[in-house]
Amino acid sequence: MMEETRIKTNSMKAWLLAARPKTLSGAAVPVMIGGALAWTDAKMYDGDVFSWTAFLLCLLFSFAMQIDANFINDFFDFVNGSDDVETRLGPRRACAQGWVTLDAMKKAIAATTCLACVIGLPLAWYGGLEMILVGGLCVVFAFLYTTFFSYQGLGDLLVLVFFGLVPVCCTYYVQIHDLTWQVFLASLACGLVIDALLIVNNFRDRDNDRLANKKTLIVRLGPEAGLQLYLGVGVGALILGGTFWMNGHLLATLFPLFYFILHVYTYLKIKRIYQGKALNMCLSETARNIFIYGLCVSIGLLIGG
């Protein structure tokens, strides 16, 4: 932590910390799962259906939007007074620490928003003009999440939509030009798994959020219900993943059991620690668990398809 206090303003290290590279697992996993589903289903069609270019564009767009959302969150939370250096329990933020100036962050937000649009625009060639609408909604809600929805306890809903339904279904759609019930349920399962990251983040910050009138789901429900919610999203994802078995993908159902063991272990650790900065280790573990879930499902689909 002492090293972070010596970070030069607007330096490369400052921008790397502002981008929050550990959060990119949440951006990669939905695209991985959507791509794996498309790869297995492409066998039903004649010709070379699967496009690696389209898959790479989906992945890069997801990364760009995640970094953009992180910059937006960093900027607006500081401006709104949510990132108090003295009381903050989570990882330190660039604007609040003075690592990145507000003017530079404004320009970075504009740049990453434009970059995401440039990367996403060619997806209209693969998935149709509706991809432009989807991309536009991603940009709009990246701003609305931090400035409105997170304060109303609706952040978890947005995670389900924009880290589950949208990326998984769109990654699949640009390849196959169709959607199935299995893809829809897989996207919900993915959204639930990634929502665990927001749950543990809000569980840690519940007291500060209450003082800031930030009515997250944990603030509304209370810490005990929040703990059950964390465990529940893992259970829900496992149940929804059972539909892979019904469609002939047994390994995609069995492999995530390894993820669930880790998820329960992290849940018990959260329950034991209960509050304070020590919960940050559970945040890192949850990010790891999310990536492992993505690997388990994707590999299960690819080798068991």
Protein backbone atom coordinates (compact mmCIF):
# COMPACT_ATOMS: atom_id res chain seq x y z
CA MET A 1 0.00 0.00 0.00
CA MET A 2 2.91 2.35 0.72
CA GLU A 3 4.08 1.99 -2.86
CA GLU A 4 0.70 3.21 -4.14
CA THR A 5 1.13 6.55 -2.31
CA ARG A 6 4.17 7.35 -4.47
CA ILE A 7 2.40 6.88 -7.80
CA LYS A 8 3.06 9.74 -10.19
CA THR A 9 -0.05 11.64 -11.31
CA ASN A 10 -1.39 10.49 -14.72
CA SER A 11 1.46 7.98 -15.04
CA MET A 12 1.15 4.65 -16.82
CA LYS A 13 0.89 2.87 -13.47
CA ALA A 14 -1.86 5.27 -12.39
CA TRP A 15 -3.88 4.48 -15.52
CA LEU A 16 -3.31 0.75 -15.08
CA LEU A 17 -4.74 0.93 -11.56
CA ALA A 18 -7.65 3.07 -12.78
CA ALA A 19 -8.48 0.47 -15.46
CA ARG A 20 -8.80 -2.22 -12.75
CA PRO A 21 -7.45 -5.15 -14.80
CA LYS A 22 -8.72 -7.70 -12.26
CA THR A 23 -12.30 -6.84 -13.28
CA LEU A 24 -11.64 -7.94 -16.86
CA SER A 25 -12.44 -11.54 -15.93
CA GLY A 26 -16.07 -10.42 -15.61
CA ALA A 27 -15.87 -9.00 -19.14
CA ALA A 28 -14.21 -12.07 -20.64
CA VAL A 29 -16.35 -14.85 -19.13
CA PRO A 30 -19.69 -14.02 -20.88
CA VAL A 31 -17.96 -13.82 -24.26
CA MET A 32 -16.16 -17.10 -23.58
CA ILE A 33 -19.41 -18.86 -22.77
CA GLY A 34 -21.32 -17.31 -25.69
CA GLY A 35 -18.49 -18.24 -28.03
CA ALA A 36 -18.30 -21.81 -26.75
CA LEU A 37 -22.05 -22.24 -27.20
CA ALA A 38 -21.82 -20.88 -30.75
CA TRP A 39 -18.87 -23.13 -31.58
CA THR A 40 -20.73 -26.27 -30.50
CA ASP A 41 -23.96 -25.28 -32.26
CA ALA A 42 -22.16 -24.26 -35.47
CA LYS A 43 -21.78 -27.97 -36.22
CA MET A 44 -25.49 -28.06 -37.07
CA TYR A 45 -24.95 -25.73 -40.03
CA ASP A 46 -23.24 -26.28 -43.36
CA GLY A 47 -20.05 -24.39 -44.07
CA ASP A 48 -17.68 -22.43 -41.90
CA VAL A 49 -20.18 -20.65 -39.65
CA PHE A 50 -18.00 -19.64 -36.70
CA SER A 51 -16.05 -16.41 -37.21
CA TRP A 52 -13.00 -15.83 -35.04
CA THR A 53 -12.98 -12.20 -36.12
CA ALA A 54 -16.48 -11.66 -34.76
CA PHE A 55 -15.54 -13.46 -31.54
CA LEU A 56 -12.43 -11.29 -31.10
CA LEU A 57 -14.46 -8.12 -31.72
CA CYS A 58 -16.96 -9.18 -29.04
CA LEU A 59 -14.12 -9.80 -26.60
CA LEU A 60 -12.37 -6.50 -27.32
CA PHE A 61 -15.65 -4.57 -27.12
CA SER A 62 -16.37 -6.19 -23.76
CA PHE A 63 -12.91 -5.24 -22.47
CA ALA A 64 -13.22 -1.67 -23.73
CA MET A 65 -16.65 -1.24 -22.15
CA GLN A 66 -15.45 -2.68 -18.84
CA ILE A 67 -12.53 -0.24 -18.67
CA ASP A 68 -14.84 2.58 -19.75
CA ALA A 69 -17.30 1.68 -16.97
CA ASN A 70 -14.44 1.57 -14.46
CA PHE A 71 -13.30 5.06 -15.48
CA ILE A 72 -16.88 6.36 -15.27
CA ASN A 73 -17.32 4.80 -11.84
CA ASP A 74 -14.01 6.22 -10.62
CA PHE A 75 -14.86 9.73 -11.83
CA PHE A 76 -18.48 10.03 -10.71
CA ASP A 77 -18.06 8.31 -7.35
CA PHE A 78 -15.34 10.83 -6.50
CA VAL A 79 -17.35 13.80 -7.78
CA ASN A 80 -20.42 12.64 -5.84
CA GLY A 81 -18.41 12.15 -2.67
CA SER A 82 -18.84 8.36 -2.52
CA ASP A 83 -15.08 7.71 -2.54
CA ASP A 84 -13.94 9.08 0.81
CA VAL A 85 -10.22 8.39 1.19
CA GLU A 86 -10.51 8.15 4.96
CA THR A 87 -13.49 5.79 5.17
CA ARG A 88 -13.16 3.73 1.96
CA LEU A 89 -12.77 0.01 2.62
CA GLY A 90 -12.29 -1.23 -0.93
CA PRO A 91 -9.29 -0.91 -3.25
CA ARG A 92 -8.18 2.70 -3.65
CA ARG A 93 -9.51 4.68 -6.60
CA ALA A 94 -7.46 6.80 -8.97
CA CYS A 95 -9.34 10.10 -8.80
CA ALA A 96 -9.84 9.98 -5.03
CA GLN A 97 -6.13 9.29 -4.49
CA GLY A 98 -5.03 11.97 -6.93
CA TRP A 99 -3.31 9.45 -9.17
CA VAL A 100 -5.39 10.70 -12.12
CA THR A 101 -6.69 14.25 -12.46
CA LEU A 102 -10.39 14.86 -13.13
CA ASP A 103 -9.68 16.55 -16.44
CA ALA A 104 -7.55 13.61 -17.61
CA MET A 105 -10.24 11.16 -16.50
CA LYS A 106 -12.88 13.05 -18.49
CA LYS A 107 -10.73 12.73 -21.61
CA ALA A 108 -10.08 9.05 -20.88
CA ILE A 109 -13.81 8.36 -20.56
CA ALA A 110 -14.42 10.05 -23.92
CA ALA A 111 -11.55 8.09 -25.50
CA THR A 112 -12.58 4.67 -24.17
CA THR A 113 -16.23 5.30 -25.08
CA CYS A 114 -15.21 6.14 -28.65
CA LEU A 115 -12.83 3.17 -28.77
CA ALA A 116 -15.60 0.80 -27.68
CA CYS A 117 -17.89 2.20 -30.39
CA VAL A 118 -15.20 1.80 -33.07
CA ILE A 119 -14.53 -1.78 -32.01
CA GLY A 120 -18.22 -2.66 -31.79
CA LEU A 121 -19.38 -1.07 -35.03
CA PRO A 122 -18.11 -3.89 -37.32
CA LEU A 123 -20.28 -6.33 -35.37
CA ALA A 124 -23.21 -4.89 -37.32
CA TRP A 125 -21.75 -6.68 -40.35
CA TYR A 126 -22.01 -10.01 -38.54
CA GLY A 127 -25.16 -9.56 -36.46
CA GLY A 128 -27.15 -6.86 -38.26
CA LEU A 129 -27.94 -3.24 -37.48
CA GLU A 130 -29.51 -4.24 -34.17
CA MET A 131 -25.96 -4.63 -32.85
CA ILE A 132 -25.58 -0.85 -33.09
CA LEU A 133 -28.60 -0.42 -30.82
CA VAL A 134 -27.19 -2.95 -28.34
CA GLY A 135 -23.84 -1.16 -28.35
CA GLY A 136 -25.52 2.18 -27.76
CA LEU A 137 -27.44 0.78 -24.80
CA CYS A 138 -24.20 -0.59 -23.33
CA VAL A 139 -22.67 2.89 -23.44
CA VAL A 140 -25.75 4.62 -22.00
CA PHE A 141 -26.13 2.18 -19.12
CA ALA A 142 -22.41 2.30 -18.32
CA PHE A 143 -23.10 5.91 -17.30
CA LEU A 144 -26.50 5.26 -15.73
CA TYR A 145 -25.18 2.45 -13.54
CA THR A 146 -22.87 4.71 -11.53
CA THR A 147 -24.96 7.88 -11.67
CA PHE A 148 -28.39 6.37 -10.91
CA PHE A 149 -29.03 2.61 -10.79
CA SER A 150 -26.37 1.71 -8.21
CA TYR A 151 -27.92 4.23 -5.80
CA GLN A 152 -31.38 2.69 -6.19
CA GLY A 153 -30.45 -0.92 -5.50
CA LEU A 154 -30.78 -1.85 -9.18
CA GLY A 155 -27.12 -2.53 -9.86
CA ASP A 156 -27.62 -6.28 -9.55
CA LEU A 157 -30.31 -6.17 -12.25
CA LEU A 158 -27.94 -4.38 -14.60
CA VAL A 159 -25.26 -6.99 -13.95
CA LEU A 160 -27.70 -9.74 -14.97
CA VAL A 161 -28.52 -7.87 -18.16
CA PHE A 162 -25.12 -6.48 -19.21
CA PHE A 163 -22.84 -9.21 -17.87
CA GLY A 164 -25.20 -12.05 -18.64
CA LEU A 165 -28.01 -11.66 -21.17
CA VAL A 166 -26.43 -9.10 -23.50
CA PRO A 167 -22.84 -10.40 -23.91
CA VAL A 168 -23.63 -14.12 -23.93
CA CYS A 169 -26.63 -13.83 -26.27
CA CYS A 170 -24.99 -11.29 -28.60
CA THR A 171 -21.74 -13.26 -28.85
CA TYR A 172 -23.82 -16.27 -29.83
CA TYR A 173 -26.13 -14.31 -32.14
CA VAL A 174 -23.41 -12.74 -34.30
CA GLN A 175 -22.24 -16.28 -35.08
CA ILE A 176 -25.46 -18.28 -35.46
CA HIS A 177 -28.01 -15.50 -36.16
CA ASP A 178 -30.45 -17.18 -33.83
CA LEU A 179 -31.06 -17.68 -30.11
CA THR A 180 -32.14 -20.76 -28.18
CA TRP A 181 -33.60 -21.32 -24.72
CA GLN A 182 -30.30 -22.91 -23.68
CA VAL A 183 -28.35 -19.78 -24.60
CA PHE A 184 -30.84 -17.63 -22.69
CA LEU A 185 -30.58 -19.76 -19.53
CA ALA A 186 -26.79 -19.94 -19.85
CA SER A 187 -26.67 -16.14 -20.01
CA LEU A 188 -28.76 -15.88 -16.83
CA ALA A 189 -26.43 -18.32 -15.07
CA CYS A 190 -23.44 -16.27 -16.18
CA GLY A 191 -25.05 -13.06 -14.92
CA LEU A 192 -25.73 -14.64 -11.53
CA VAL A 193 -22.13 -15.79 -11.17
CA ILE A 194 -20.74 -12.35 -12.01
CA ASP A 195 -23.25 -10.63 -9.72
CA ALA A 196 -21.45 -12.31 -6.82
CA LEU A 197 -18.67 -9.74 -7.34
CA LEU A 198 -21.09 -6.85 -6.86
CA ILE A 199 -22.70 -8.56 -3.86
CA VAL A 200 -19.46 -8.96 -1.92
CA ASN A 201 -18.43 -5.41 -2.87
CA ASN A 202 -21.70 -3.99 -1.55
CA PHE A 203 -21.61 -6.28 1.48
CA ARG A 204 -18.23 -4.81 2.45
CA ASP A 205 -19.39 -1.22 1.85
CA ARG A 206 -22.86 -1.53 3.40
CA ASP A 207 -22.26 0.87 6.30
CA ASN A 208 -20.63 3.58 4.16
CA ASP A 209 -23.30 3.16 1.48
CA ARG A 210 -26.05 3.61 4.06
CA LEU A 211 -24.46 6.86 5.24
CA ALA A 212 -24.13 8.04 1.63
CA ASN A 213 -27.82 7.17 0.98
CA LYS A 214 -26.69 4.61 -1.58
CA LYS A 215 -29.53 2.08 -1.37
CA THR A 216 -27.83 -1.03 -2.69
CA LEU A 217 -29.59 -4.37 -2.44
CA ILE A 218 -27.46 -5.23 0.61
CA VAL A 219 -28.44 -1.97 2.32
CA ARG A 220 -32.11 -2.69 1.57
CA LEU A 221 -32.08 -6.37 2.60
CA GLY A 222 -29.50 -6.34 5.38
CA PRO A 223 -26.21 -8.24 5.78
CA GLU A 224 -27.69 -11.65 6.68
CA ALA A 225 -29.89 -11.66 3.58
CA GLY A 226 -26.87 -10.42 1.63
CA LEU A 227 -24.87 -13.46 2.70
CA GLN A 228 -27.66 -15.77 1.58
CA LEU A 229 -27.87 -13.88 -1.69
CA TYR A 230 -24.16 -14.45 -2.31
CA LEU A 231 -24.56 -18.18 -1.75
CA GLY A 232 -27.82 -18.20 -3.72
CA VAL A 233 -26.40 -16.82 -6.96
CA GLY A 234 -23.94 -19.72 -7.03
CA VAL A 235 -26.71 -22.24 -6.39
CA GLY A 236 -28.89 -20.58 -9.04
CA ALA A 237 -26.12 -20.70 -11.62
CA LEU A 238 -25.54 -24.38 -10.92
CA ILE A 239 -29.25 -25.18 -11.31
CA LEU A 240 -29.54 -23.23 -14.57
CA GLY A 241 -26.37 -24.93 -15.79
CA GLY A 242 -28.14 -28.25 -15.39
CA THR A 243 -29.93 -27.46 -18.64
CA PHE A 244 -26.66 -28.18 -20.48
CA TRP A 245 -27.11 -31.82 -19.51
CA MET A 246 -30.59 -31.84 -21.03
CA ASN A 247 -29.08 -30.72 -24.31
CA GLY A 248 -26.33 -33.31 -24.36
CA HIS A 249 -23.53 -31.31 -22.70
CA LEU A 250 -22.93 -33.36 -19.56
CA LEU A 251 -19.42 -32.04 -18.92
CA ALA A 252 -20.64 -28.43 -19.04
CA THR A 253 -22.92 -29.36 -16.15
CA LEU A 254 -20.36 -31.35 -14.14
CA PHE A 255 -17.25 -29.17 -14.48
CA PRO A 256 -18.86 -26.11 -12.77
CA LEU A 257 -19.17 -28.19 -9.61
CA PHE A 258 -15.51 -27.31 -9.05
CA TYR A 259 -16.45 -23.63 -9.26
CA PHE A 260 -19.26 -24.15 -6.76
CA ILE A 261 -16.92 -25.70 -4.20
CA LEU A 262 -14.74 -22.58 -4.41
CA HIS A 263 -17.82 -20.36 -4.27
CA VAL A 264 -19.01 -22.00 -1.04
CA TYR A 265 -15.51 -21.71 0.44
CA THR A 266 -15.48 -17.96 -0.32
CA TYR A 267 -19.00 -17.61 1.09
CA LEU A 268 -17.88 -19.16 4.38
CA LYS A 269 -14.90 -16.81 4.47
CA ILE A 270 -17.17 -13.78 3.92
CA LYS A 271 -19.43 -15.02 6.70
CA ARG A 272 -16.47 -15.43 9.05
CA ILE A 273 -14.85 -12.04 8.29
CA TYR A 274 -18.22 -10.26 8.05
CA GLN A 275 -16.94 -6.68 7.79
CA GLY A 276 -13.93 -4.46 7.17
CA LYS A 277 -11.09 -4.28 4.65
CA ALA A 278 -10.29 -7.96 5.12
CA LEU A 279 -13.26 -8.66 2.82
CA ASN A 280 -11.13 -7.42 -0.09
CA MET A 281 -9.47 -10.85 -0.21
CA CYS A 282 -12.95 -12.31 -0.77
CA LEU A 283 -13.41 -9.84 -3.62
CA SER A 284 -10.27 -11.20 -5.30
CA GLU A 285 -11.37 -14.78 -4.67
CA THR A 286 -14.78 -14.07 -6.19
CA ALA A 287 -13.15 -12.66 -9.34
CA ARG A 288 -11.05 -15.82 -9.52
CA ASN A 289 -14.13 -18.00 -9.05
CA ILE A 290 -15.93 -16.17 -11.86
CA PHE A 291 -13.09 -16.87 -14.27
CA ILE A 292 -12.95 -20.52 -13.20
CA TYR A 293 -16.70 -20.81 -13.84
CA GLY A 294 -16.20 -19.44 -17.35
CA LEU A 295 -13.40 -21.91 -18.01
CA CYS A 296 -15.39 -24.84 -16.61
CA VAL A 297 -18.46 -24.14 -18.73
CA SER A 298 -16.52 -23.26 -21.90
CA ILE A 299 -14.21 -26.28 -21.72
CA GLY A 300 -17.15 -28.53 -20.84
CA LEU A 301 -19.00 -27.34 -23.93
CA LEU A 302 -16.01 -27.58 -26.26
CA ILE A 303 -14.76 -31.04 -25.34
CA GLY A 304 -18.15 -32.52 -24.54
CA GLY A 305 -20.06 -31.10 -27.48
